PDB file of N, CA and C in Angstrom:
ATOM      1  N   MET A   1     -22.287 -25.636  -4.672  1.00  0.00           N
ATOM      2  CA  MET A   1     -21.021 -24.862  -4.562  1.00  0.00           C
ATOM      3  C   MET A   1     -19.842 -25.755  -3.685  1.00  0.00           C
ATOM      4  N   ASP A   2     -18.948 -25.979  -4.456  1.00  0.00           N
ATOM      5  CA  ASP A   2     -17.997 -26.531  -3.794  1.00  0.00           C
ATOM      6  C   ASP A   2     -16.804 -25.765  -3.420  1.00  0.00           C
ATOM      7  N   MET A   3     -16.628 -25.121  -2.518  1.00  0.00           N
ATOM      8  CA  MET A   3     -15.210 -24.431  -1.992  1.00  0.00           C
ATOM      9  C   MET A   3     -14.083 -25.308  -2.066  1.00  0.00           C
ATOM     10  N   SER A   4     -12.876 -24.746  -2.588  1.00  0.00           N
ATOM     11  CA  SER A   4     -11.889 -25.155  -2.257  1.00  0.00           C
ATOM     12  C   SER A   4     -11.163 -24.880  -0.839  1.00  0.00           C
ATOM     13  N   PRO A   5     -10.964 -25.666   0.052  1.00  0.00           N
ATOM     14  CA  PRO A   5     -10.303 -25.282   1.232  1.00  0.00           C
ATOM     15  C   PRO A   5      -9.053 -25.080   0.957  1.00  0.00           C
ATOM     16  N   PHE A   6      -8.124 -24.994  -0.117  1.00  0.00           N
ATOM     17  CA  PHE A   6      -6.851 -24.582  -0.221  1.00  0.00           C
ATOM     18  C   PHE A   6      -6.935 -23.276  -0.672  1.00  0.00           C
ATOM     19  N   GLU A   7      -7.946 -23.037  -1.586  1.00  0.00           N
ATOM     20  CA  GLU A   7      -8.240 -21.424  -2.060  1.00  0.00           C
ATOM     21  C   GLU A   7      -8.303 -20.415  -0.640  1.00  0.00           C
ATOM     22  N   ILE A   8      -9.320 -21.223   0.175  1.00  0.00           N
ATOM     23  CA  ILE A   8      -9.673 -20.402   1.473  1.00  0.00           C
ATOM     24  C   ILE A   8      -8.217 -20.492   2.053  1.00  0.00           C
ATOM     25  N   LEU A   9      -7.322 -21.355   2.619  1.00  0.00           N
ATOM     26  CA  LEU A   9      -6.341 -21.199   3.405  1.00  0.00           C
ATOM     27  C   LEU A   9      -5.296 -20.209   2.776  1.00  0.00           C
ATOM     28  N   MET A  10      -5.368 -20.116   1.322  1.00  0.00           N
ATOM     29  CA  MET A  10      -4.298 -19.049   1.035  1.00  0.00           C
ATOM     30  C   MET A  10      -4.853 -17.673   0.897  1.00  0.00           C
ATOM     31  N   LEU A  11      -6.358 -17.602   0.744  1.00  0.00           N
ATOM     32  CA  LEU A  11      -6.529 -16.392   1.077  1.00  0.00           C
ATOM     33  C   LEU A  11      -6.447 -15.412   2.425  1.00  0.00           C
ATOM     34  N   VAL A  12      -6.795 -16.581   3.332  1.00  0.00           N
ATOM     35  CA  VAL A  12      -6.438 -16.476   4.810  1.00  0.00           C
ATOM     36  C   VAL A  12      -4.946 -15.885   5.103  1.00  0.00           C
ATOM     37  N   CYS A  13      -4.229 -16.764   4.680  1.00  0.00           N
ATOM     38  CA  CYS A  13      -2.805 -16.918   4.867  1.00  0.00           C
ATOM     39  C   CYS A  13      -2.182 -15.449   4.375  1.00  0.00           C
ATOM     40  N   PHE A  14      -2.881 -15.059   3.110  1.00  0.00           N
ATOM     41  CA  PHE A  14      -2.202 -13.694   2.472  1.00  0.00           C
ATOM     42  C   PHE A  14      -2.799 -12.612   3.384  1.00  0.00           C
ATOM     43  N   GLY A  15      -4.196 -12.956   3.677  1.00  0.00           N
ATOM     44  CA  GLY A  15      -5.052 -11.646   4.266  1.00  0.00           C
ATOM     45  C   GLY A  15      -4.257 -11.223   5.749  1.00  0.00           C
ATOM     46  N   MET A  16      -3.867 -12.297   6.193  1.00  0.00           N
ATOM     47  CA  MET A  16      -3.247 -12.054   8.027  1.00  0.00           C
ATOM     48  C   MET A  16      -2.232 -10.970   7.635  1.00  0.00           C
ATOM     49  N   ALA A  17      -1.355 -10.770   6.556  1.00  0.00           N
ATOM     50  CA  ALA A  17      -0.290  -9.846   6.818  1.00  0.00           C
ATOM     51  C   ALA A  17      -0.715  -8.433   6.274  1.00  0.00           C
ATOM     52  N   TRP A  18      -1.839  -8.254   5.782  1.00  0.00           N
ATOM     53  CA  TRP A  18      -2.102  -6.829   5.781  1.00  0.00           C
ATOM     54  C   TRP A  18      -2.503  -6.179   6.509  1.00  0.00           C
ATOM     55  N   PRO A  19      -3.315  -6.639   7.569  1.00  0.00           N
ATOM     56  CA  PRO A  19      -3.457  -5.492   9.090  1.00  0.00           C
ATOM     57  C   PRO A  19      -2.082  -4.960   9.496  1.00  0.00           C
ATOM     58  N   PHE A  20      -1.067  -5.965   9.452  1.00  0.00           N
ATOM     59  CA  PHE A  20       0.285  -5.400  10.267  1.00  0.00           C
ATOM     60  C   PHE A  20       0.647  -4.561   9.014  1.00  0.00           C
ATOM     61  N   SER A  21       0.657  -4.610   7.558  1.00  0.00           N
ATOM     62  CA  SER A  21       1.081  -3.844   7.051  1.00  0.00           C
ATOM     63  C   SER A  21       0.325  -2.028   6.907  1.00  0.00           C
ATOM     64  N   ILE A  22      -0.946  -2.798   7.065  1.00  0.00           N
ATOM     65  CA  ILE A  22      -1.674  -1.130   7.071  1.00  0.00           C
ATOM     66  C   ILE A  22      -1.275  -0.223   8.119  1.00  0.00           C
ATOM     67  N   TYR A  23      -1.003  -0.898   9.563  1.00  0.00           N
ATOM     68  CA  TYR A  23      -0.780  -0.526  10.745  1.00  0.00           C
ATOM     69  C   TYR A  23       0.822   0.371  10.280  1.00  0.00           C
ATOM     70  N   LYS A  24       1.555  -0.604   9.862  1.00  0.00           N
ATOM     71  CA  LYS A  24       2.700   0.284   9.883  1.00  0.00           C
ATOM     72  C   LYS A  24       2.837   1.103   9.122  1.00  0.00           C
ATOM     73  N   SER A  25       2.033   1.202   7.880  1.00  0.00           N
ATOM     74  CA  SER A  25       2.219   2.644   7.041  1.00  0.00           C
ATOM     75  C   SER A  25       1.827   3.843   7.631  1.00  0.00           C
ATOM     76  N   TYR A  26       0.469   3.242   8.445  1.00  0.00           N
ATOM     77  CA  TYR A  26      -0.681   4.047   9.059  1.00  0.00           C
ATOM     78  C   TYR A  26       0.372   5.046   9.907  1.00  0.00           C
ATOM     79  N   THR A  27       1.200   4.375  11.028  1.00  0.00           N
ATOM     80  CA  THR A  27       1.721   4.683  11.925  1.00  0.00           C
ATOM     81  C   THR A  27       2.991   5.388  11.511  1.00  0.00           C
ATOM     82  N   THR A  28       3.855   4.968  10.736  1.00  0.00           N
ATOM     83  CA  THR A  28       5.409   5.363  10.467  1.00  0.00           C
ATOM     84  C   THR A  28       5.243   6.440   9.357  1.00  0.00           C
ATOM     85  N   TRP A  29       4.377   6.581   8.878  1.00  0.00           N
ATOM     86  CA  TRP A  29       4.457   7.910   7.616  1.00  0.00           C
ATOM     87  C   TRP A  29       5.542   7.549   6.720  1.00  0.00           C
ATOM     88  N   GLN A  30       6.057   6.125   6.569  1.00  0.00           N
ATOM     89  CA  GLN A  30       6.872   5.865   5.773  1.00  0.00           C
ATOM     90  C   GLN A  30       6.358   4.721   4.596  1.00  0.00           C
ATOM     91  N   VAL A  31       7.370   5.030   3.370  1.00  0.00           N
ATOM     92  CA  VAL A  31       6.561   4.052   2.693  1.00  0.00           C
ATOM     93  C   VAL A  31       7.908   2.710   2.799  1.00  0.00           C
ATOM     94  N   GLY A  32       9.160   2.937   3.072  1.00  0.00           N
ATOM     95  CA  GLY A  32       9.939   1.673   3.569  1.00  0.00           C
ATOM     96  C   GLY A  32      10.257   1.232   2.082  1.00  0.00           C
ATOM     97  N   SER A  33      10.240  -0.157   2.086  1.00  0.00           N
ATOM     98  CA  SER A  33      10.801  -0.808   0.867  1.00  0.00           C
ATOM     99  C   SER A  33       9.317  -1.240   0.446  1.00  0.00           C
ATOM    100  N   LYS A  34       8.538  -0.718   0.592  1.00  0.00           N
ATOM    101  CA  LYS A  34       7.128  -1.149  -0.136  1.00  0.00           C
ATOM    102  C   LYS A  34       7.526  -0.507  -1.637  1.00  0.00           C
ATOM    103  N   SER A  35       6.685  -1.719  -2.673  1.00  0.00           N
ATOM    104  CA  SER A  35       6.594  -1.240  -4.255  1.00  0.00           C
ATOM    105  C   SER A  35       5.120  -0.888  -4.226  1.00  0.00           C
ATOM    106  N   LEU A  36       4.849   0.110  -5.027  1.00  0.00           N
ATOM    107  CA  LEU A  36       3.668   0.785  -5.432  1.00  0.00           C
ATOM    108  C   LEU A  36       3.265  -0.178  -6.774  1.00  0.00           C
ATOM    109  N   VAL A  37       4.365  -0.681  -7.513  1.00  0.00           N
ATOM    110  CA  VAL A  37       3.793  -1.527  -8.703  1.00  0.00           C
ATOM    111  C   VAL A  37       3.470  -2.860  -8.183  1.00  0.00           C
ATOM    112  N   PHE A  38       4.131  -3.456  -7.029  1.00  0.00           N
ATOM    113  CA  PHE A  38       3.781  -4.737  -6.349  1.00  0.00           C
ATOM    114  C   PHE A  38       2.402  -4.313  -5.559  1.00  0.00           C
ATOM    115  N   LEU A  39       2.043  -3.327  -4.926  1.00  0.00           N
ATOM    116  CA  LEU A  39       0.759  -3.166  -4.301  1.00  0.00           C
ATOM    117  C   LEU A  39      -0.144  -3.270  -5.405  1.00  0.00           C
ATOM    118  N   VAL A  40       0.015  -2.497  -6.392  1.00  0.00           N
ATOM    119  CA  VAL A  40      -1.067  -2.274  -7.629  1.00  0.00           C
ATOM    120  C   VAL A  40      -1.589  -3.661  -8.198  1.00  0.00           C
ATOM    121  N   ALA A  41      -0.248  -4.722  -8.458  1.00  0.00           N
ATOM    122  CA  ALA A  41      -0.419  -5.827  -9.138  1.00  0.00           C
ATOM    123  C   ALA A  41      -1.264  -7.129  -8.123  1.00  0.00           C
ATOM    124  N   LEU A  42      -1.083  -6.749  -6.941  1.00  0.00           N
ATOM    125  CA  LEU A  42      -1.649  -7.578  -5.990  1.00  0.00           C
ATOM    126  C   LEU A  42      -3.251  -6.962  -6.016  1.00  0.00           C
ATOM    127  N   PHE A  43      -3.654  -5.728  -5.971  1.00  0.00           N
ATOM    128  CA  PHE A  43      -4.627  -5.537  -6.135  1.00  0.00           C
ATOM    129  C   PHE A  43      -5.881  -5.940  -7.480  1.00  0.00           C
ATOM    130  N   ILE A  44      -4.773  -5.641  -8.247  1.00  0.00           N
ATOM    131  CA  ILE A  44      -5.382  -6.247  -9.679  1.00  0.00           C
ATOM    132  C   ILE A  44      -5.782  -7.700  -9.727  1.00  0.00           C
ATOM    133  N   GLY A  45      -4.812  -8.649  -9.182  1.00  0.00           N
ATOM    134  CA  GLY A  45      -5.048 -10.066  -8.577  1.00  0.00           C
ATOM    135  C   GLY A  45      -6.369 -10.207  -7.861  1.00  0.00           C
ATOM    136  N   TYR A  46      -6.518  -9.328  -7.151  1.00  0.00           N
ATOM    137  CA  TYR A  46      -7.646  -9.645  -6.227  1.00  0.00           C
ATOM    138  C   TYR A  46      -9.075  -9.296  -6.870  1.00  0.00           C
ATOM    139  N   ILE A  47      -8.880  -8.195  -7.729  1.00  0.00           N
ATOM    140  CA  ILE A  47     -10.124  -7.929  -8.490  1.00  0.00           C
ATOM    141  C   ILE A  47     -10.529  -8.837  -9.513  1.00  0.00           C
ATOM    142  N   SER A  48      -9.007  -9.663  -9.903  1.00  0.00           N
ATOM    143  CA  SER A  48      -9.436 -10.566 -11.063  1.00  0.00           C
ATOM    144  C   SER A  48      -9.878 -11.416 -10.072  1.00  0.00           C
ATOM    145  N   GLY A  49      -9.930 -12.129  -8.958  1.00  0.00           N
ATOM    146  CA  GLY A  49     -10.514 -13.271  -8.333  1.00  0.00           C
ATOM    147  C   GLY A  49     -12.006 -12.855  -7.828  1.00  0.00           C
ATOM    148  N   VAL A  50     -12.253 -11.671  -7.565  1.00  0.00           N
ATOM    149  CA  VAL A  50     -13.563 -11.425  -7.498  1.00  0.00           C
ATOM    150  C   VAL A  50     -14.469 -11.482  -8.963  1.00  0.00           C
ATOM    151  N   LEU A  51     -13.847 -10.945  -9.736  1.00  0.00           N
ATOM    152  CA  LEU A  51     -14.761 -10.972 -11.294  1.00  0.00           C
ATOM    153  C   LEU A  51     -14.622 -12.620 -11.165  1.00  0.00           C
ATOM    154  N   HIS A  52     -13.418 -13.574 -11.116  1.00  0.00           N
ATOM    155  CA  HIS A  52     -13.815 -14.798 -11.425  1.00  0.00           C
ATOM    156  C   HIS A  52     -14.734 -15.409 -10.926  1.00  0.00           C
ATOM    157  N   LYS A  53     -15.009 -15.231  -9.495  1.00  0.00           N
ATOM    158  CA  LYS A  53     -16.163 -15.663  -8.749  1.00  0.00           C
ATOM    159  C   LYS A  53     -17.557 -14.926  -9.055  1.00  0.00           C
ATOM    160  N   ILE A  54     -17.749 -13.901  -9.660  1.00  0.00           N
ATOM    161  CA  ILE A  54     -18.834 -13.389 -10.263  1.00  0.00           C
ATOM    162  C   ILE A  54     -19.368 -14.220 -11.609  1.00  0.00           C
ATOM    163  N   PHE A  55     -18.245 -14.407 -12.382  1.00  0.00           N
ATOM    164  CA  PHE A  55     -18.836 -14.713 -13.859  1.00  0.00           C
ATOM    165  C   PHE A  55     -18.514 -16.021 -13.707  1.00  0.00           C
ATOM    166  N   TYR A  56     -17.837 -16.930 -13.192  1.00  0.00           N
ATOM    167  CA  TYR A  56     -17.734 -18.312 -13.372  1.00  0.00           C
ATOM    168  C   TYR A  56     -18.199 -19.328 -12.306  1.00  0.00           C
ATOM    169  N   LEU A  57     -17.589 -18.974 -10.934  1.00  0.00           N
ATOM    170  CA  LEU A  57     -17.727 -19.752  -9.822  1.00  0.00           C
ATOM    171  C   LEU A  57     -17.927 -19.050  -8.503  1.00  0.00           C
ATOM    172  N   TYR A  58     -19.172 -18.364  -8.597  1.00  0.00           N
ATOM    173  CA  TYR A  58     -19.931 -17.912  -7.372  1.00  0.00           C
ATOM    174  C   TYR A  58     -19.987 -18.758  -6.119  1.00  0.00           C
ATOM    175  N   ASP A  59     -19.333 -18.526  -5.022  1.00  0.00           N
ATOM    176  CA  ASP A  59     -19.200 -18.983  -3.745  1.00  0.00           C
ATOM    177  C   ASP A  59     -18.901 -17.858  -2.750  1.00  0.00           C
ATOM    178  N   PRO A  60     -18.869 -18.342  -1.314  1.00  0.00           N
ATOM    179  CA  PRO A  60     -18.619 -17.376  -0.249  1.00  0.00           C
ATOM    180  C   PRO A  60     -17.371 -16.938  -0.479  1.00  0.00           C
ATOM    181  N   VAL A  61     -16.283 -17.750  -1.188  1.00  0.00           N
ATOM    182  CA  VAL A  61     -15.000 -17.166  -0.974  1.00  0.00           C
ATOM    183  C   VAL A  61     -14.626 -15.886  -1.508  1.00  0.00           C
ATOM    184  N   ILE A  62     -15.495 -15.132  -2.408  1.00  0.00           N
ATOM    185  CA  ILE A  62     -15.632 -14.194  -2.987  1.00  0.00           C
ATOM    186  C   ILE A  62     -15.492 -12.780  -1.858  1.00  0.00           C
ATOM    187  N   PHE A  63     -16.001 -13.024  -0.670  1.00  0.00           N
ATOM    188  CA  PHE A  63     -15.515 -12.555   0.209  1.00  0.00           C
ATOM    189  C   PHE A  63     -14.302 -12.141   1.000  1.00  0.00           C
ATOM    190  N   LEU A  64     -13.410 -13.257   0.636  1.00  0.00           N
ATOM    191  CA  LEU A  64     -12.042 -13.193   1.263  1.00  0.00           C
ATOM    192  C   LEU A  64     -11.406 -12.621   0.128  1.00  0.00           C
ATOM    193  N   TYR A  65     -11.688 -12.899  -1.186  1.00  0.00           N
ATOM    194  CA  TYR A  65     -10.908 -11.822  -2.155  1.00  0.00           C
ATOM    195  C   TYR A  65     -11.291 -10.292  -1.893  1.00  0.00           C
ATOM    196  N   MET A  66     -12.732  -9.925  -1.524  1.00  0.00           N
ATOM    197  CA  MET A  66     -12.933  -8.665  -1.417  1.00  0.00           C
ATOM    198  C   MET A  66     -12.491  -7.913  -0.242  1.00  0.00           C
ATOM    199  N   LEU A  67     -12.043  -8.841   0.934  1.00  0.00           N
ATOM    200  CA  LEU A  67     -11.574  -8.183   2.073  1.00  0.00           C
ATOM    201  C   LEU A  67     -10.057  -8.143   1.729  1.00  0.00           C
ATOM    202  N   ASN A  68      -9.440  -9.100   1.162  1.00  0.00           N
ATOM    203  CA  ASN A  68      -7.863  -8.634   1.069  1.00  0.00           C
ATOM    204  C   ASN A  68      -7.820  -7.498  -0.232  1.00  0.00           C
ATOM    205  N   GLY A  69      -8.670  -7.616  -0.965  1.00  0.00           N
ATOM    206  CA  GLY A  69      -8.235  -6.237  -2.346  1.00  0.00           C
ATOM    207  C   GLY A  69      -8.945  -5.035  -1.413  1.00  0.00           C
ATOM    208  N   THR A  70      -9.520  -5.115  -0.510  1.00  0.00           N
ATOM    209  CA  THR A  70      -9.911  -3.765   0.373  1.00  0.00           C
ATOM    210  C   THR A  70      -8.495  -3.339   1.273  1.00  0.00           C
ATOM    211  N   MET A  71      -8.003  -4.583   1.731  1.00  0.00           N
ATOM    212  CA  MET A  71      -7.145  -4.187   2.615  1.00  0.00           C
ATOM    213  C   MET A  71      -5.619  -3.478   1.966  1.00  0.00           C
ATOM    214  N   VAL A  72      -5.579  -3.990   0.713  1.00  0.00           N
ATOM    215  CA  VAL A  72      -4.450  -3.875  -0.501  1.00  0.00           C
ATOM    216  C   VAL A  72      -4.592  -2.562  -0.916  1.00  0.00           C
ATOM    217  N   GLY A  73      -6.077  -2.243  -0.940  1.00  0.00           N
ATOM    218  CA  GLY A  73      -6.440  -0.947  -1.587  1.00  0.00           C
ATOM    219  C   GLY A  73      -6.154   0.430  -0.537  1.00  0.00           C
ATOM    220  N   ILE A  74      -6.379  -0.050   0.942  1.00  0.00           N
ATOM    221  CA  ILE A  74      -6.146   1.050   1.803  1.00  0.00           C
ATOM    222  C   ILE A  74      -4.511   1.117   1.803  1.00  0.00           C
ATOM    223  N   ASP A  75      -3.646   0.004   1.900  1.00  0.00           N
ATOM    224  CA  ASP A  75      -2.322   0.129   2.005  1.00  0.00           C
ATOM    225  C   ASP A  75      -1.759   0.843   0.829  1.00  0.00           C
ATOM    226  N   ILE A  76      -2.431   0.856  -0.597  1.00  0.00           N
ATOM    227  CA  ILE A  76      -2.093   1.722  -1.571  1.00  0.00           C
ATOM    228  C   ILE A  76      -2.434   3.464  -1.277  1.00  0.00           C
ATOM    229  N   ALA A  77      -3.594   3.197  -0.650  1.00  0.00           N
ATOM    230  CA  ALA A  77      -3.701   4.975  -0.274  1.00  0.00           C
ATOM    231  C   ALA A  77      -2.896   5.401   0.717  1.00  0.00           C
ATOM    232  N   LEU A  78      -2.322   4.444   1.536  1.00  0.00           N
ATOM    233  CA  LEU A  78      -1.388   4.767   2.788  1.00  0.00           C
ATOM    234  C   LEU A  78      -0.171   5.039   1.913  1.00  0.00           C
ATOM    235  N   TYR A  79       0.298   4.319   1.181  1.00  0.00           N
ATOM    236  CA  TYR A  79       1.586   4.349   0.708  1.00  0.00           C
ATOM    237  C   TYR A  79       1.877   5.846  -0.166  1.00  0.00           C
ATOM    238  N   ILE A  80       0.356   6.309  -0.766  1.00  0.00           N
ATOM    239  CA  ILE A  80       0.419   7.477  -1.592  1.00  0.00           C
ATOM    240  C   ILE A  80       0.391   8.779  -0.651  1.00  0.00           C
ATOM    241  N   ARG A  81      -0.221   8.449   0.340  1.00  0.00           N
ATOM    242  CA  ARG A  81      -0.138   9.871   1.412  1.00  0.00           C
ATOM    243  C   ARG A  81       1.202   9.518   2.342  1.00  0.00           C
ATOM    244  N   ASN A  82       2.043   8.767   2.129  1.00  0.00           N
ATOM    245  CA  ASN A  82       3.169   8.593   2.991  1.00  0.00           C
ATOM    246  C   ASN A  82       4.232   8.903   1.970  1.00  0.00           C
ATOM    247  N   ARG A  83       3.963   8.640   0.994  1.00  0.00           N
ATOM    248  CA  ARG A  83       5.125   9.172  -0.109  1.00  0.00           C
ATOM    249  C   ARG A  83       5.102  10.746  -0.632  1.00  0.00           C
ATOM    250  N   MET A  84       3.599  11.108  -0.520  1.00  0.00           N
ATOM    251  CA  MET A  84       3.563  12.606  -0.687  1.00  0.00           C
ATOM    252  C   MET A  84       3.982  13.167   0.666  1.00  0.00           C
ATOM    253  N   TYR A  85       3.773  12.842   1.580  1.00  0.00           N
ATOM    254  CA  TYR A  85       4.289  13.030   2.671  1.00  0.00           C
ATOM    255  C   TYR A  85       6.108  13.405   2.730  1.00  0.00           C
ATOM    256  N   GLN A  86       6.704  12.713   2.146  1.00  0.00           N
ATOM    257  CA  GLN A  86       7.989  12.133   2.229  1.00  0.00           C
ATOM    258  C   GLN A  86       8.330  13.322   1.240  1.00  0.00           C
ATOM    259  N   VAL A  87       8.037  13.509   0.275  1.00  0.00           N
ATOM    260  CA  VAL A  87       7.982  14.479  -0.938  1.00  0.00           C
ATOM    261  C   VAL A  87       7.945  15.413  -0.328  1.00  0.00           C
ATOM    262  N   LYS A  88       6.944  16.012   0.463  1.00  0.00           N
ATOM    263  CA  LYS A  88       6.983  17.403   0.757  1.00  0.00           C
ATOM    264  C   LYS A  88       7.776  17.816   1.712  1.00  0.00           C
ATOM    265  N   LYS A  89       7.919  16.602   2.775  1.00  0.00           N
ATOM    266  CA  LYS A  89       9.497  16.592   3.753  1.00  0.00           C
ATOM    267  C   LYS A  89      10.649  17.239   3.132  1.00  0.00           C
ATOM    268  N   SER A  90      10.776  16.266   2.165  1.00  0.00           N
ATOM    269  CA  SER A  90      12.111  16.524   1.629  1.00  0.00           C
ATOM    270  C   SER A  90      12.328  17.766   0.934  1.00  0.00           C
ATOM    271  N   ALA A  91      11.384  18.400   0.422  1.00  0.00           N
ATOM    272  CA  ALA A  91      11.253  19.895  -0.348  1.00  0.00           C
ATOM    273  C   ALA A  91      11.509  20.562   0.777  1.00  0.00           C
ATOM    274  N   GLU A  92      10.894  20.415   1.820  1.00  0.00           N
ATOM    275  CA  GLU A  92      11.183  21.403   2.945  1.00  0.00           C
ATOM    276  C   GLU A  92      12.247  21.588   3.425  1.00  0.00           C
ATOM    277  N   GLU A  93      13.260  20.162   3.413  1.00  0.00           N
ATOM    278  CA  GLU A  93      14.378  20.320   4.123  1.00  0.00           C
ATOM    279  C   GLU A  93      15.304  20.999   3.264  1.00  0.00           C
ATOM    280  N   ALA A  94      15.097  20.791   1.904  1.00  0.00           N
ATOM    281  CA  ALA A  94      15.955  21.249   0.871  1.00  0.00           C
ATOM    282  C   ALA A  94      15.991  22.785   1.093  1.00  0.00           C
ATOM    283  N   ALA A  95      14.708  23.264   1.071  1.00  0.00           N
ATOM    284  CA  ALA A  95      14.581  24.689   1.116  1.00  0.00           C
ATOM    285  C   ALA A  95      15.146  25.210   2.279  1.00  0.00           C
ATOM    286  N   ARG A  96      15.119  24.624   3.654  1.00  0.00           N
ATOM    287  CA  ARG A  96      15.670  25.257   4.692  1.00  0.00           C
ATOM    288  C   ARG A  96      17.284  25.137   4.607  1.00  0.00           C
ATOM    289  N   ARG A  97      17.453  23.769   3.826  1.00  0.00           N
ATOM    290  CA  ARG A  97      19.202  23.946   3.636  1.00  0.00           C
ATOM    291  C   ARG A  97      19.680  25.025   2.946  1.00  0.00           C
ATOM    292  N   SER A  98      19.207  25.399   1.542  1.00  0.00           N
ATOM    293  CA  SER A  98      19.282  26.132   0.779  1.00  0.00           C
ATOM    294  C   SER A  98      19.299  27.605   1.492  1.00  0.00           C
ATOM    295  N   GLY A  99      18.199  27.924   2.222  1.00  0.00           N
ATOM    296  CA  GLY A  99      18.051  29.322   3.049  1.00  0.00           C
ATOM    297  C   GLY A  99      19.223  29.334   3.637  1.00  0.00           C
ATOM    298  N   ALA A 100      19.538  28.351   4.419  1.00  0.00           N
ATOM    299  CA  ALA A 100      20.440  28.417   5.737  1.00  0.00           C
ATOM    300  C   ALA A 100      21.679  28.756   5.244  1.00  0.00           C
ATOM    301  N   GLY A 101      22.306  27.969   4.071  1.00  0.00           N
ATOM    302  CA  GLY A 101      23.604  28.107   3.390  1.00  0.00           C
ATOM    303  C   GLY A 101      23.859  29.454   2.918  1.00  0.00           C
ATOM    304  N   GLY A 102      22.931  30.053   2.236  1.00  0.00           N
ATOM    305  CA  GLY A 102      23.273  31.360   1.962  1.00  0.00           C
ATOM    306  C   GLY A 102      23.593  32.599   2.870  1.00  0.00           C
ATOM    307  N   ALA A 103      22.750  31.940   3.785  1.00  0.00           N
ATOM    308  CA  ALA A 103      22.665  33.598   5.225  1.00  0.00           C
ATOM    309  C   ALA A 103      23.858  33.307   5.433  1.00  0.00           C
ATOM    310  N   GLY A 104      24.753  32.584   5.888  1.00  0.00           N
ATOM    311  CA  GLY A 104      25.821  32.113   6.908  1.00  0.00           C
ATOM    312  C   GLY A 104      27.555  32.546   6.309  1.00  0.00           C
ATOM    313  N   THR A 105      27.162  32.788   4.721  1.00  0.00           N
ATOM    314  CA  THR A 105      28.417  32.968   4.043  1.00  0.00           C
ATOM    315  C   THR A 105      29.099  34.538   4.425  1.00  0.00           C
ATOM    316  N   GLY A 106      28.361  35.360   4.668  1.00  0.00           N
ATOM    317  CA  GLY A 106      29.040  36.693   4.678  1.00  0.00           C
ATOM    318  C   GLY A 106      29.552  37.187   3.027  1.00  0.00           C
ATOM    319  N   GLY A 107      28.602  36.897   2.345  1.00  0.00           N
ATOM    320  CA  GLY A 107      29.203  37.347   1.056  1.00  0.00           C
ATOM    321  C   GLY A 107      29.840  36.399   0.044  1.00  0.00           C
ATOM    322  N   LEU A 108      30.489  35.307   0.705  1.00  0.00           N
ATOM    323  CA  LEU A 108      31.813  34.569  -0.078  1.00  0.00           C
ATOM    324  C   LEU A 108      31.212  33.583  -0.464  1.00  0.00           C
ATOM    325  N   SER A 109      31.370  33.101  -1.466  1.00  0.00           N
ATOM    326  CA  SER A 109      31.298  31.891  -2.401  1.00  0.00           C
ATOM    327  C   SER A 109      32.486  30.998  -2.451  1.00  0.00           C
TER     328      SER A 109
END
């Protein structure tokens, strides 16, 4: 089995970004400028890489695809968690504002 050093380098370079992204998603509870569509596209790409390795050219590089795919999957899960948190927080703030706005008007509209 002849592994491509360029494929390995590509996967290592891409993979180096995910721990930082996961950490930021985990600690900030915000989605920021992340795109769920982009994350899912990357996840599908890594799954495709794994499937290619299984069906056409099995070599140890499959583990890099699996590692990167796992990290993207974690980031997707954190995105969903953070987005749900933000929606809940926004709904609570809106309820607070609407409740506070009606109480202090003294019946005047």
